[in-house]
Structure formats: C-alpha cells, structure tokens
C-alpha cells in the first residue's frame, strides 16, 4: 500500500525523470552551469548522472531543488504537462 504524501512535492517523481526533464529544459551545459558537478560537465549521460546522484546526497538535493524551482506552479515558465 502506497502512502500519500501531500506535503512532499517530489512524491512519486523518480530521480531519472527529474534528470531527464531538467536536461531537456536546460541541456547538459545549462545543468552544469546551475549545478557544479562533474557528471553534468564531463561526458554527461543519464546513466552516469544517476549513478553519481544516487550515492551523493548533497548533489541529489541540488537536483531536487532545481527541479522544484524550475517546474513548480510558482514558475511562469512551467511546462503544461506536469
């Protein structure tokens, strides 16, 4: 049974989905400018980024924060398919 988490805006959103959407929105170069981590700078890929982010809590937190900032309802540039 899956519990509801109404106060968690990231509930049900996979890390892979976050990285994919951010990469589509900003591109790898844009991500590297916003979050200074090597997996976005040097030969970036979804697979290498996920591997790093899953074992590095501070970096994952930065990705989650950027995702929320980019795709929340307060953002006028939010996409319509959220």
C-alpha atoms as a PDB file:
ATOM      1  CA  UNK A   1       0.000   0.000   0.000  1.00  0.00           C
ATOM      2  CA  UNK A   2       1.433   3.338  -1.054  1.00  0.00           C
ATOM      3  CA  UNK A   3       1.091   6.181   1.437  1.00  0.00           C
ATOM      4  CA  UNK A   4       0.011   9.640   0.337  1.00  0.00           C
ATOM      5  CA  UNK A   5       2.491  12.448   0.975  1.00  0.00           C
ATOM      6  CA  UNK A   6       0.567  15.665   0.280  1.00  0.00           C
ATOM      7  CA  UNK A   7       3.337  17.885   1.678  1.00  0.00           C
ATOM      8  CA  UNK A   8       6.086  16.316  -0.430  1.00  0.00           C
ATOM      9  CA  UNK A   9       6.063  17.876  -3.917  1.00  0.00           C
ATOM     10  CA  UNK A  10       8.552  15.264  -5.160  1.00  0.00           C
ATOM     11  CA  UNK A  11       6.493  12.262  -4.050  1.00  0.00           C
ATOM     12  CA  UNK A  12       6.136   9.825  -6.954  1.00  0.00           C
ATOM     13  CA  UNK A  13       8.709  11.550  -9.160  1.00  0.00           C
ATOM     14  CA  UNK A  14      11.700   9.363  -9.965  1.00  0.00           C
ATOM     15  CA  UNK A  15      15.218  10.764  -9.980  1.00  0.00           C
ATOM     16  CA  UNK A  16      15.591   9.632 -13.596  1.00  0.00           C
ATOM     17  CA  UNK A  17      12.506  11.650 -14.541  1.00  0.00           C
ATOM     18  CA  UNK A  18      13.897  14.733 -12.818  1.00  0.00           C
ATOM     19  CA  UNK A  19      17.245  14.499 -14.576  1.00  0.00           C
ATOM     20  CA  UNK A  20      15.633  13.806 -17.971  1.00  0.00           C
ATOM     21  CA  UNK A  21      13.266  16.767 -17.702  1.00  0.00           C
ATOM     22  CA  UNK A  22      15.985  19.113 -16.457  1.00  0.00           C
ATOM     23  CA  UNK A  23      18.305  18.014 -19.266  1.00  0.00           C
ATOM     24  CA  UNK A  24      15.556  18.596 -21.835  1.00  0.00           C
ATOM     25  CA  UNK A  25      14.814  22.018 -20.351  1.00  0.00           C
ATOM     26  CA  UNK A  26      18.383  23.305 -19.752  1.00  0.00           C
ATOM     27  CA  UNK A  27      20.640  20.913 -21.687  1.00  0.00           C
ATOM     28  CA  UNK A  28      23.761  19.420 -20.122  1.00  0.00           C
ATOM     29  CA  UNK A  29      25.655  22.715 -20.378  1.00  0.00           C
ATOM     30  CA  UNK A  30      22.850  24.570 -18.633  1.00  0.00           C
ATOM     31  CA  UNK A  31      22.714  21.971 -15.880  1.00  0.00           C
ATOM     32  CA  UNK A  32      26.474  22.198 -15.395  1.00  0.00           C
ATOM     33  CA  UNK A  33      26.188  25.988 -15.044  1.00  0.00           C
ATOM     34  CA  UNK A  34      23.450  25.685 -12.426  1.00  0.00           C
ATOM     35  CA  UNK A  35      24.839  22.682 -10.528  1.00  0.00           C
ATOM     36  CA  UNK A  36      28.623  22.439 -10.469  1.00  0.00           C
ATOM     37  CA  UNK A  37      29.166  18.671 -10.603  1.00  0.00           C
ATOM     38  CA  UNK A  38      31.378  16.708 -12.990  1.00  0.00           C
ATOM     39  CA  UNK A  39      28.674  14.282 -14.113  1.00  0.00           C
ATOM     40  CA  UNK A  40      26.990  17.248 -15.863  1.00  0.00           C
ATOM     41  CA  UNK A  41      30.261  18.675 -17.217  1.00  0.00           C
ATOM     42  CA  UNK A  42      32.470  15.832 -18.441  1.00  0.00           C
ATOM     43  CA  UNK A  43      30.913  13.433 -20.952  1.00  0.00           C
ATOM     44  CA  UNK A  44      27.431  13.703 -19.389  1.00  0.00           C
ATOM     45  CA  UNK A  45      24.863  10.951 -19.704  1.00  0.00           C
ATOM     46  CA  UNK A  46      21.725   9.961 -17.856  1.00  0.00           C
ATOM     47  CA  UNK A  47      23.301   6.718 -16.653  1.00  0.00           C
ATOM     48  CA  UNK A  48      26.451   8.315 -15.202  1.00  0.00           C
ATOM     49  CA  UNK A  49      24.478  11.157 -13.653  1.00  0.00           C
ATOM     50  CA  UNK A  50      22.035   8.795 -11.934  1.00  0.00           C
ATOM     51  CA  UNK A  51      24.878   6.637 -10.611  1.00  0.00           C
ATOM     52  CA  UNK A  52      26.566   9.676  -9.060  1.00  0.00           C
ATOM     53  CA  UNK A  53      23.377  11.304  -7.750  1.00  0.00           C
ATOM     54  CA  UNK A  54      22.128   8.112  -6.098  1.00  0.00           C
ATOM     55  CA  UNK A  55      25.244   7.867  -3.958  1.00  0.00           C
ATOM     56  CA  UNK A  56      25.796  11.589  -3.324  1.00  0.00           C
ATOM     57  CA  UNK A  57      23.026  13.081  -1.177  1.00  0.00           C
ATOM     58  CA  UNK A  58      24.180  16.722  -1.400  1.00  0.00           C
ATOM     59  CA  UNK A  59      24.209  16.606  -5.204  1.00  0.00           C
ATOM     60  CA  UNK A  60      20.830  14.883  -5.367  1.00  0.00           C
ATOM     61  CA  UNK A  61      19.439  17.597  -3.107  1.00  0.00           C
ATOM     62  CA  UNK A  62      20.671  20.267  -5.524  1.00  0.00           C
ATOM     63  CA  UNK A  63      18.989  18.476  -8.445  1.00  0.00           C
ATOM     64  CA  UNK A  64      15.743  18.162  -6.487  1.00  0.00           C
ATOM     65  CA  UNK A  65      15.851  21.863  -5.567  1.00  0.00           C
ATOM     66  CA  UNK A  66      16.468  22.877  -9.179  1.00  0.00           C
ATOM     67  CA  UNK A  67      13.639  20.624 -10.334  1.00  0.00           C
ATOM     68  CA  UNK A  68      11.237  22.207  -7.864  1.00  0.00           C
ATOM     69  CA  UNK A  69      12.361  25.714  -8.743  1.00  0.00           C
ATOM     70  CA  UNK A  70      12.028  25.017 -12.459  1.00  0.00           C
ATOM     71  CA  UNK A  71       8.769  23.076 -12.549  1.00  0.00           C
ATOM     72  CA  UNK A  72       6.611  24.340  -9.673  1.00  0.00           C
ATOM     73  CA  UNK A  73       3.402  26.271 -10.154  1.00  0.00           C
ATOM     74  CA  UNK A  74       5.095  29.472  -8.981  1.00  0.00           C
ATOM     75  CA  UNK A  75       7.367  29.348 -12.031  1.00  0.00           C
ATOM     76  CA  UNK A  76       5.857  31.211 -15.018  1.00  0.00           C
ATOM     77  CA  UNK A  77       7.926  29.062 -17.405  1.00  0.00           C
ATOM     78  CA  UNK A  78       6.453  25.806 -16.081  1.00  0.00           C
ATOM     79  CA  UNK A  79       5.511  23.281 -18.720  1.00  0.00           C
ATOM     80  CA  UNK A  80       1.850  22.314 -19.035  1.00  0.00           C
ATOM     81  CA  UNK A  81       2.421  18.568 -18.743  1.00  0.00           C
ATOM     82  CA  UNK A  82       3.396  18.445 -15.059  1.00  0.00           C
END
